[in-house]
Amino acid sequence: MSGRVLITGCSSGIGLDAARRMQAIGWQVVATCRRPEDIAARRAEGMECHHLELSDGDSVARLTDQVLAGGPLDALVNNAAFALPGAVEDMPRGALRAIFETNLFGTHDLTVRLIPHFRKGGGRIVNISSVLGLVGIRWRGPYVATKFALEGLTDVLRLEMQGTPVKVILIEPGPIASRIRVNAIPHFERWVNWQDSARADEYRASLLKRLYEPSGKDRFELPPSAVSDRIVHALTAPRPRTRYYVTTPTWISGISRRVLPTRALDWLMRHG
């Protein structure tokens, strides 16, 4: 099976690896990036690439028109997202609004604009969630909230698309080598006034070190190609799974959420 696929967030990490993998197996890839230099780089690799700012409804509408003007589309991979670390009590309303605009609202907007096209000829919608769409951990509240919301919205969309030629799939990675930590720093610096927080000492002892002084590879970390493997299966298998776990922590978290009491799961998330 081959076709034409739109993949968002192709500047680096999962999106870039997935775009290259799908191109390598014969698919026509339509990539999106935010920075002009990344758009130029993807085009130099032979991909169709457009600018997309998910938080801007006009940008989403413009991209939809550009993509559909280029011919039939067979699949959408919603990958673009960002993280905003910090304690929940230190997050102003604007911070949550900003991360939801990109990670959920923009993703939803793009998806529903393309569903009428997929209804006509069939199509697959792959939403890249996270292990943090299954369980929550400290300092990751806004990102966790967006991924929990994405999981719920995707589950309902999958139910509602039954009986149509549209397949809806979730992929849930755990620790994957990417730039998400580095890319989160500007958002943290913009929104979190940690110096005046009641948790200032905890920031110094924990989050700031992890954010600015990375300690190296996570013991369970996998390369982006591990996610691309699942994306390939989701887009090419005659009967794709409804969800794919990637990495050991995702499997452990998914099982733990189903079988452990809440207090036990809280303990595991604090000490795991």
Protein backbone atom coordinates (compact mmCIF):
# COMPACT_ATOMS: atom_id res chain seq x y z
CA MET A 1 0.00 0.00 0.00
CA SER A 2 1.20 3.51 -0.82
CA GLY A 3 -0.42 6.89 -1.08
CA ARG A 4 -0.16 10.51 0.00
CA VAL A 5 0.19 11.39 3.67
CA LEU A 6 0.20 14.68 5.57
CA ILE A 7 2.51 14.68 8.61
CA THR A 8 2.65 17.66 10.96
CA GLY A 9 5.70 18.74 12.94
CA CYS A 10 8.47 17.54 10.63
CA SER A 11 11.32 19.79 11.75
CA SER A 12 12.91 17.09 13.92
CA GLY A 13 12.24 14.04 16.05
CA ILE A 14 9.29 11.77 15.39
CA GLY A 15 7.79 13.87 12.59
CA LEU A 16 11.02 14.11 10.61
CA ASP A 17 11.82 10.42 10.97
CA ALA A 18 8.28 9.43 10.00
CA ALA A 19 8.34 11.68 6.94
CA ARG A 20 11.61 10.18 5.75
CA ARG A 21 10.43 6.63 6.43
CA MET A 22 7.15 7.05 4.59
CA GLN A 23 8.97 8.63 1.66
CA ALA A 24 11.47 5.76 1.62
CA ILE A 25 8.71 3.15 1.27
CA GLY A 26 7.13 4.96 -1.65
CA TRP A 27 4.60 7.34 -0.14
CA GLN A 28 4.20 10.93 -1.27
CA VAL A 29 4.82 12.96 1.87
CA VAL A 30 3.32 16.34 2.62
CA ALA A 31 5.24 17.72 5.59
CA THR A 32 4.63 20.77 7.75
CA CYS A 33 7.14 22.90 9.66
CA ARG A 34 7.10 26.32 11.29
CA ARG A 35 10.53 27.70 10.42
CA PRO A 36 11.44 28.66 6.83
CA GLU A 37 14.80 26.87 7.01
CA ASP A 38 13.09 23.61 7.97
CA ILE A 39 10.57 23.98 5.15
CA ALA A 40 13.45 24.50 2.71
CA ALA A 41 15.26 21.45 4.09
CA ARG A 42 12.25 19.17 3.63
CA ARG A 43 11.72 20.44 0.09
CA ALA A 44 15.38 19.76 -0.67
CA GLU A 45 14.70 16.15 0.34
CA GLY A 46 11.95 15.93 -2.29
CA MET A 47 8.98 16.40 0.02
CA GLU A 48 6.08 18.74 -0.44
CA CYS A 49 6.29 20.98 2.61
CA HIS A 50 4.16 23.85 3.89
CA HIS A 51 4.15 26.23 6.82
CA LEU A 52 1.70 25.42 9.61
CA GLU A 53 0.98 27.20 12.86
CA LEU A 54 -1.60 25.05 14.60
CA SER A 55 -2.56 27.82 17.02
CA ASP A 56 -3.66 29.98 14.07
CA GLY A 57 -6.98 28.97 12.50
CA ASP A 58 -6.17 30.85 9.28
CA SER A 59 -2.93 28.88 8.95
CA VAL A 60 -4.80 25.59 9.39
CA ALA A 61 -7.40 26.60 6.77
CA ARG A 62 -4.71 27.70 4.33
CA LEU A 63 -2.79 24.44 4.74
CA THR A 64 -5.94 22.39 4.16
CA ASP A 65 -6.57 24.19 0.87
CA GLN A 66 -2.94 23.78 -0.23
CA VAL A 67 -2.87 20.06 0.55
CA LEU A 68 -6.17 19.20 -1.12
CA ALA A 69 -5.27 21.28 -4.17
CA GLY A 70 -2.28 18.98 -4.65
CA GLY A 71 -4.36 15.86 -5.14
CA PRO A 72 -6.04 13.09 -3.14
CA LEU A 73 -4.88 12.59 0.44
CA ASP A 74 -4.87 9.13 1.99
CA ALA A 75 -3.74 9.77 5.55
CA LEU A 76 -3.08 12.36 8.24
CA VAL A 77 -0.49 11.96 11.00
CA ASN A 78 -1.08 14.53 13.77
CA ASN A 79 2.34 14.75 15.37
CA ALA A 80 3.05 18.43 16.07
CA ALA A 81 2.93 19.39 19.76
CA PHE A 82 5.03 21.05 22.43
CA ALA A 83 5.63 20.64 26.16
CA LEU A 84 5.30 23.21 28.93
CA PRO A 85 6.97 22.00 32.15
CA GLY A 86 6.24 23.41 35.57
CA ALA A 87 4.00 22.93 38.59
CA VAL A 88 0.26 23.09 37.92
CA GLU A 89 -0.23 25.76 40.58
CA ASP A 90 2.23 28.03 38.73
CA MET A 91 0.47 27.85 35.36
CA PRO A 92 -1.45 30.99 34.40
CA ARG A 93 -4.58 30.68 32.31
CA GLY A 94 -2.77 31.93 29.22
CA ALA A 95 -0.24 29.11 29.46
CA LEU A 96 -2.93 26.45 29.32
CA ARG A 97 -4.68 28.27 26.52
CA ALA A 98 -1.47 28.40 24.49
CA ILE A 99 -0.62 24.71 24.80
CA PHE A 100 -4.19 23.59 24.15
CA GLU A 101 -4.39 25.78 21.03
CA THR A 102 -1.53 23.81 19.48
CA ASN A 103 -1.71 20.35 20.99
CA LEU A 104 -5.50 19.92 20.85
CA PHE A 105 -7.53 22.70 19.20
CA GLY A 106 -5.33 23.09 16.14
CA THR A 107 -4.99 19.35 15.75
CA HIS A 108 -8.76 18.97 15.98
CA ASP A 109 -9.32 21.81 13.50
CA LEU A 110 -7.02 20.24 10.91
CA THR A 111 -8.57 16.81 11.40
CA VAL A 112 -12.20 17.85 10.96
CA ARG A 113 -11.34 19.93 7.90
CA LEU A 114 -9.95 16.78 6.24
CA ILE A 115 -12.63 14.29 7.34
CA PRO A 116 -15.05 15.22 4.50
CA HIS A 117 -12.29 14.38 2.02
CA PHE A 118 -11.53 11.08 3.76
CA ARG A 119 -15.22 10.17 3.81
CA LYS A 120 -15.27 10.21 0.02
CA GLY A 121 -12.32 7.95 -0.72
CA GLY A 122 -11.22 6.50 2.60
CA GLY A 123 -8.44 7.65 4.84
CA ARG A 124 -6.54 7.07 8.05
CA ILE A 125 -6.08 9.53 10.91
CA VAL A 126 -3.15 8.76 13.19
CA ASN A 127 -2.88 10.82 16.36
CA ILE A 128 0.46 10.79 18.14
CA SER A 129 -0.33 10.84 21.84
CA SER A 130 2.07 9.89 24.65
CA VAL A 131 2.54 7.72 27.69
CA LEU A 132 1.47 10.96 29.40
CA GLY A 133 -1.92 10.51 27.77
CA LEU A 134 -2.27 7.42 29.97
CA VAL A 135 -0.77 8.57 33.28
CA GLY A 136 0.33 11.84 34.82
CA ILE A 137 3.70 12.74 36.33
CA ARG A 138 4.86 15.76 38.30
CA TRP A 139 5.92 18.93 36.45
CA ARG A 140 4.16 17.92 33.24
CA GLY A 141 0.58 19.01 33.98
CA PRO A 142 -0.24 21.10 30.87
CA TYR A 143 1.20 18.54 28.45
CA VAL A 144 -0.52 15.69 30.31
CA ALA A 145 -3.82 17.58 30.13
CA THR A 146 -3.58 18.02 26.37
CA LYS A 147 -2.70 14.39 25.79
CA PHE A 148 -5.47 13.10 28.06
CA ALA A 149 -7.86 15.30 26.08
CA LEU A 150 -6.47 14.05 22.77
CA GLU A 151 -6.94 10.46 23.89
CA GLY A 152 -10.58 11.04 24.78
CA LEU A 153 -11.36 12.98 21.62
CA THR A 154 -9.67 10.31 19.50
CA ASP A 155 -11.57 7.48 21.19
CA VAL A 156 -14.90 9.18 20.49
CA LEU A 157 -13.93 10.01 16.91
CA ARG A 158 -12.99 6.37 16.32
CA LEU A 159 -16.42 5.27 17.59
CA GLU A 160 -18.20 7.84 15.44
CA MET A 161 -16.24 6.91 12.30
CA GLN A 162 -17.23 3.26 12.50
CA GLY A 163 -19.27 2.44 9.44
CA THR A 164 -17.34 4.99 7.35
CA PRO A 165 -14.16 4.45 5.30
CA VAL A 166 -12.19 6.48 7.87
CA LYS A 167 -9.91 4.66 10.32
CA VAL A 168 -8.74 6.44 13.50
CA ILE A 169 -5.61 5.29 15.30
CA LEU A 170 -3.67 6.30 18.43
CA ILE A 171 0.07 5.89 18.86
CA GLU A 172 1.41 6.31 22.40
CA PRO A 173 5.18 6.72 22.65
CA GLY A 174 7.12 6.83 25.87
CA PRO A 175 10.64 8.29 26.12
CA ILE A 176 11.83 8.96 22.57
CA ALA A 177 15.02 10.78 21.58
CA SER A 178 13.87 14.20 20.37
CA ARG A 179 14.17 17.94 20.94
CA ILE A 180 11.02 18.21 23.04
CA ARG A 181 12.96 19.14 26.20
CA VAL A 182 14.99 21.84 24.43
CA ASN A 183 11.93 23.12 22.61
CA ALA A 184 10.07 23.38 25.93
CA ILE A 185 12.54 25.85 27.46
CA PRO A 186 11.17 29.00 25.74
CA HIS A 187 7.63 28.11 26.82
CA PHE A 188 8.77 27.53 30.40
CA GLU A 189 10.64 30.82 30.47
CA ARG A 190 7.67 32.68 29.01
CA TRP A 191 4.97 31.38 31.32
CA VAL A 192 6.41 30.09 34.60
CA ASN A 193 7.49 32.54 37.30
CA TRP A 194 9.30 29.87 39.27
CA GLN A 195 11.39 32.31 41.31
CA ASP A 196 8.27 33.52 43.13
CA SER A 197 6.73 30.07 43.41
CA ALA A 198 6.12 28.35 46.74
CA ARG A 199 8.04 25.51 45.08
CA ALA A 200 11.14 27.54 44.16
CA ASP A 201 13.45 25.19 46.07
CA GLU A 202 11.92 22.18 44.34
CA TYR A 203 12.45 23.84 40.95
CA ARG A 204 16.13 24.37 41.76
CA ALA A 205 16.61 20.84 43.05
CA SER A 206 14.66 19.04 40.34
CA LEU A 207 13.09 20.59 37.27
CA LEU A 208 15.73 23.20 36.44
CA LYS A 209 18.46 20.59 36.46
CA ARG A 210 16.50 18.26 34.19
CA LEU A 211 15.55 21.11 31.90
CA TYR A 212 18.89 22.89 31.56
CA GLU A 213 21.36 20.15 32.52
CA PRO A 214 20.26 16.95 30.80
CA SER A 215 21.72 13.89 32.49
CA GLY A 216 21.90 11.78 29.35
CA LYS A 217 19.79 9.15 27.69
CA ASP A 218 16.83 7.70 29.58
CA ARG A 219 17.39 3.98 30.18
CA PHE A 220 14.17 3.16 28.31
CA GLU A 221 14.63 5.75 25.56
CA LEU A 222 14.21 4.62 21.97
CA PRO A 223 15.00 6.42 18.71
CA PRO A 224 12.22 8.07 16.68
CA SER A 225 12.37 5.13 14.27
CA ALA A 226 10.55 3.04 16.89
CA VAL A 227 7.54 5.32 16.46
CA SER A 228 7.92 5.33 12.68
CA ASP A 229 7.67 1.54 12.74
CA ARG A 230 4.19 1.85 14.29
CA ILE A 231 3.19 4.65 11.92
CA VAL A 232 4.10 2.49 8.93
CA HIS A 233 1.98 -0.37 10.27
CA ALA A 234 -0.91 1.97 11.08
CA LEU A 235 -0.92 3.35 7.54
CA THR A 236 -0.26 0.17 5.56
CA ALA A 237 -1.83 -2.75 7.44
CA PRO A 238 -5.19 -3.88 6.05
CA ARG A 239 -6.50 -3.95 9.61
CA PRO A 240 -4.49 -1.51 11.75
CA ARG A 241 -4.70 -1.60 15.52
CA THR A 242 -6.73 1.04 17.29
CA ARG A 243 -3.72 1.97 19.45
CA TYR A 244 0.00 1.24 19.53
CA TYR A 245 2.23 1.40 22.60
CA VAL A 246 5.89 2.34 22.07
CA THR A 247 8.58 1.77 24.75
CA THR A 248 8.53 -0.26 27.94
CA PRO A 249 7.25 2.58 30.19
CA THR A 250 4.17 2.93 28.00
CA TRP A 251 3.30 -0.75 28.35
CA ILE A 252 3.88 -0.63 32.12
CA SER A 253 1.82 2.56 32.48
CA GLY A 254 -1.03 1.28 30.34
CA ILE A 255 -1.31 -1.94 32.31
CA SER A 256 -0.83 -0.22 35.68
CA ARG A 257 -3.59 2.27 34.98
CA ARG A 258 -6.02 -0.59 34.40
CA VAL A 259 -5.09 -2.80 37.35
CA LEU A 260 -3.70 -0.62 40.16
CA PRO A 261 -5.71 1.37 42.71
CA THR A 262 -5.24 5.12 42.34
CA ARG A 263 -3.03 5.44 45.43
CA ALA A 264 -0.76 2.67 44.17
CA LEU A 265 -0.55 4.26 40.74
CA ASP A 266 0.27 7.63 42.36
CA TRP A 267 3.10 5.97 44.29
CA LEU A 268 4.44 4.37 41.12
CA MET A 269 4.38 7.68 39.24
CA ARG A 270 6.22 9.42 42.09
CA HIS A 271 8.89 6.77 42.46
CA GLY A 272 9.03 5.06 39.06
